[in-house]
Amino acid sequence: MKVVIASDHGGVGIRREIISLLEELHITYLDLGCDCSGSVDYPDYAIPAAEKVARGEVDCGILICGTGIGMSIAANKVRGVRCALVHDTFSAKATREHNNTNMLAMGERVIGPGLACEIVKVWLETPFAGGRHEQRVSKIMEYEGNLGLTDTFMIPHEK
């Protein structure tokens, strides 16, 4: 497994903790920074990381900013990326099992390093459940493949 990890200035501390965890777990990673305390723009870090996931250069990615919101929004603009903003282990497990997410976003100002590492462990260790969830993820990917410009995507009526 190879993981890309990136943060803006608001997520440097937790990014460093997660890198230590990845090393402890013997997981190969690519660190895209940042290593500064001054304000930087989160898209400058989220988008290159998401592109690496989308191109298959890495298996998955982890993003950290102050809240995780900006990073997740930016990453989800990259075709092929399913980035989930997560701040608890239940959601980390569910987003892998049900949504087959390939990127995880967290907020350093929302959670501490201990919980962040637990979330990462759960997220990395949880496989996609497939089954009924496969159809749902496929619908998202199909819509995305059509550039989201179709008006034919309809919510089916309940049976």
Protein backbone atom coordinates (compact mmCIF):
# COMPACT_ATOMS: atom_id res chain seq x y z
CA MET A 1 0.00 0.00 0.00
CA LYS A 2 1.19 3.51 -0.82
CA VAL A 3 -0.45 6.59 0.74
CA VAL A 4 -0.13 10.25 -0.17
CA ILE A 5 -0.44 12.69 2.72
CA ALA A 6 -0.68 16.47 2.68
CA SER A 7 -1.74 19.34 4.88
CA ASP A 8 -1.94 23.07 4.87
CA HIS A 9 -0.57 25.17 7.75
CA GLY A 10 -3.55 24.19 9.92
CA GLY A 11 -2.77 20.48 9.78
CA VAL A 12 1.00 20.22 10.09
CA GLY A 13 0.99 18.78 13.62
CA ILE A 14 -1.41 15.92 12.95
CA ARG A 15 0.21 15.23 9.57
CA ARG A 16 3.49 14.60 11.39
CA GLU A 17 1.75 12.27 13.88
CA ILE A 18 0.13 10.32 11.04
CA ILE A 19 3.46 10.02 9.23
CA SER A 20 4.89 8.46 12.40
CA LEU A 21 1.95 6.04 12.45
CA LEU A 22 2.48 5.11 8.79
CA GLU A 23 6.15 4.43 9.50
CA GLU A 24 5.21 2.31 12.52
CA LEU A 25 2.79 0.31 10.34
CA HIS A 26 5.45 -0.04 7.59
CA ILE A 27 3.21 1.72 5.07
CA THR A 28 4.92 3.51 2.21
CA TYR A 29 3.90 7.15 1.94
CA LEU A 30 4.50 10.25 -0.13
CA ASP A 31 4.51 13.47 1.91
CA LEU A 32 3.48 16.55 -0.06
CA GLY A 33 3.81 18.95 2.89
CA CYS A 34 3.40 21.66 3.96
CA ASP A 35 6.05 22.31 6.56
CA CYS A 36 5.34 25.94 7.30
CA SER A 37 3.53 27.85 10.01
CA GLY A 38 2.51 30.73 7.77
CA SER A 39 -0.80 30.70 5.97
CA VAL A 40 -0.95 28.74 2.70
CA ASP A 41 -3.82 27.86 0.38
CA TYR A 42 -5.24 24.37 0.99
CA PRO A 43 -6.04 23.68 -2.71
CA ASP A 44 -2.31 23.92 -3.46
CA TYR A 45 -1.84 20.77 -1.34
CA ALA A 46 -5.16 18.94 -1.66
CA ILE A 47 -5.41 18.96 -5.45
CA PRO A 48 -1.92 17.55 -6.21
CA ALA A 49 -2.51 14.81 -3.61
CA ALA A 50 -5.93 14.00 -5.08
CA GLU A 51 -4.49 13.89 -8.59
CA LYS A 52 -1.97 11.27 -7.47
CA VAL A 53 -4.83 9.14 -6.13
CA ALA A 54 -6.91 9.63 -9.27
CA ARG A 55 -3.98 8.69 -11.55
CA GLY A 56 -3.29 5.55 -9.49
CA GLU A 57 0.18 6.67 -8.44
CA VAL A 58 -0.84 5.88 -4.85
CA ASP A 59 -3.58 3.71 -3.39
CA CYS A 60 -5.19 6.35 -1.21
CA GLY A 61 -4.66 9.73 0.42
CA ILE A 62 -4.93 11.57 3.70
CA LEU A 63 -5.49 15.33 3.97
CA ILE A 64 -5.43 17.57 7.04
CA CYS A 65 -6.27 21.23 7.46
CA GLY A 66 -7.81 23.22 10.29
CA THR A 67 -11.29 21.73 9.89
CA GLY A 68 -10.81 19.27 7.03
CA ILE A 69 -13.59 21.00 5.10
CA GLY A 70 -11.48 22.92 2.60
CA MET A 71 -9.23 19.98 1.84
CA SER A 72 -12.18 17.64 1.28
CA ILE A 73 -13.97 20.11 -1.00
CA ALA A 74 -10.82 20.65 -3.08
CA ALA A 75 -10.00 16.94 -3.32
CA ASN A 76 -13.53 16.05 -4.41
CA LYS A 77 -13.17 18.33 -7.44
CA VAL A 78 -10.69 15.83 -8.89
CA ARG A 79 -12.43 13.21 -11.04
CA GLY A 80 -12.13 9.75 -9.51
CA VAL A 81 -11.67 10.94 -5.94
CA ARG A 82 -14.09 10.11 -3.16
CA CYS A 83 -12.80 12.06 -0.16
CA ALA A 84 -14.65 11.84 3.14
CA LEU A 85 -14.36 14.35 5.97
CA VAL A 86 -14.19 12.22 9.12
CA HIS A 87 -13.80 13.01 12.81
CA ASP A 88 -14.75 9.69 14.43
CA THR A 89 -13.88 6.01 13.96
CA PHE A 90 -17.45 4.92 13.20
CA SER A 91 -17.59 7.21 10.17
CA ALA A 92 -14.09 6.17 9.10
CA LYS A 93 -15.19 2.55 8.98
CA ALA A 94 -18.53 3.32 7.32
CA THR A 95 -17.02 5.50 4.61
CA ARG A 96 -14.66 2.72 3.56
CA GLU A 97 -17.26 -0.07 3.82
CA HIS A 98 -20.12 1.79 2.14
CA ASN A 99 -18.55 4.51 -0.03
CA ASN A 100 -15.21 2.97 -0.99
CA THR A 101 -13.51 6.29 -0.25
CA ASN A 102 -9.99 6.69 -1.52
CA MET A 103 -9.18 9.85 0.42
CA LEU A 104 -9.67 10.86 4.03
CA ALA A 105 -9.80 14.44 5.34
CA MET A 106 -9.58 15.54 8.97
CA GLY A 107 -9.35 18.79 10.90
CA GLU A 108 -6.53 19.43 13.35
CA ARG A 109 -8.58 22.10 15.12
CA VAL A 110 -11.42 19.60 15.53
CA ILE A 111 -9.66 16.46 16.81
CA GLY A 112 -6.41 15.62 18.50
CA PRO A 113 -3.55 13.48 17.25
CA GLY A 114 -4.54 10.34 19.16
CA LEU A 115 -8.01 10.21 17.65
CA ALA A 116 -6.64 11.15 14.22
CA CYS A 117 -4.30 8.17 14.30
CA GLU A 118 -7.11 5.84 15.39
CA ILE A 119 -9.26 7.13 12.53
CA VAL A 120 -6.45 6.55 10.03
CA LYS A 121 -5.86 2.99 11.30
CA VAL A 122 -9.54 2.09 11.06
CA TRP A 123 -9.87 3.71 7.63
CA LEU A 124 -6.79 1.98 6.21
CA GLU A 125 -7.75 -1.44 7.63
CA THR A 126 -11.42 -1.44 6.56
CA PRO A 127 -12.21 -3.03 3.19
CA PHE A 128 -15.01 -1.98 0.86
CA ALA A 129 -18.06 -4.18 1.54
CA GLY A 130 -19.23 -4.22 -2.08
CA GLY A 131 -22.67 -5.78 -2.52
CA ARG A 132 -25.47 -3.24 -2.50
CA HIS A 133 -22.90 -0.49 -1.93
CA GLU A 134 -21.19 -1.26 -5.25
CA GLN A 135 -24.25 -0.11 -7.19
CA ARG A 136 -24.38 3.14 -5.23
CA VAL A 137 -20.70 3.96 -5.74
CA SER A 138 -21.06 3.02 -9.42
CA LYS A 139 -23.85 5.57 -9.80
CA ILE A 140 -21.58 8.29 -8.46
CA MET A 141 -18.76 7.25 -10.77
CA GLU A 142 -21.12 7.09 -13.77
CA TYR A 143 -22.45 10.57 -13.05
CA GLU A 144 -18.92 11.85 -12.68
CA GLY A 145 -17.89 10.18 -15.93
CA ASN A 146 -20.63 12.15 -17.68
CA LEU A 147 -19.10 15.32 -16.20
CA GLY A 148 -22.24 15.76 -14.15
CA LEU A 149 -23.80 17.60 -17.09
CA THR A 150 -26.69 15.27 -17.70
CA ASP A 151 -30.23 15.95 -16.60
CA THR A 152 -31.12 12.28 -16.91
CA PHE A 153 -29.90 11.29 -13.46
CA MET A 154 -33.15 10.69 -11.66
CA ILE A 155 -33.96 9.58 -8.15
CA PRO A 156 -35.94 6.36 -8.58
CA HIS A 157 -39.33 6.06 -6.95
CA GLU A 158 -39.58 3.71 -4.01
CA LYS A 159 -41.08 0.34 -4.82
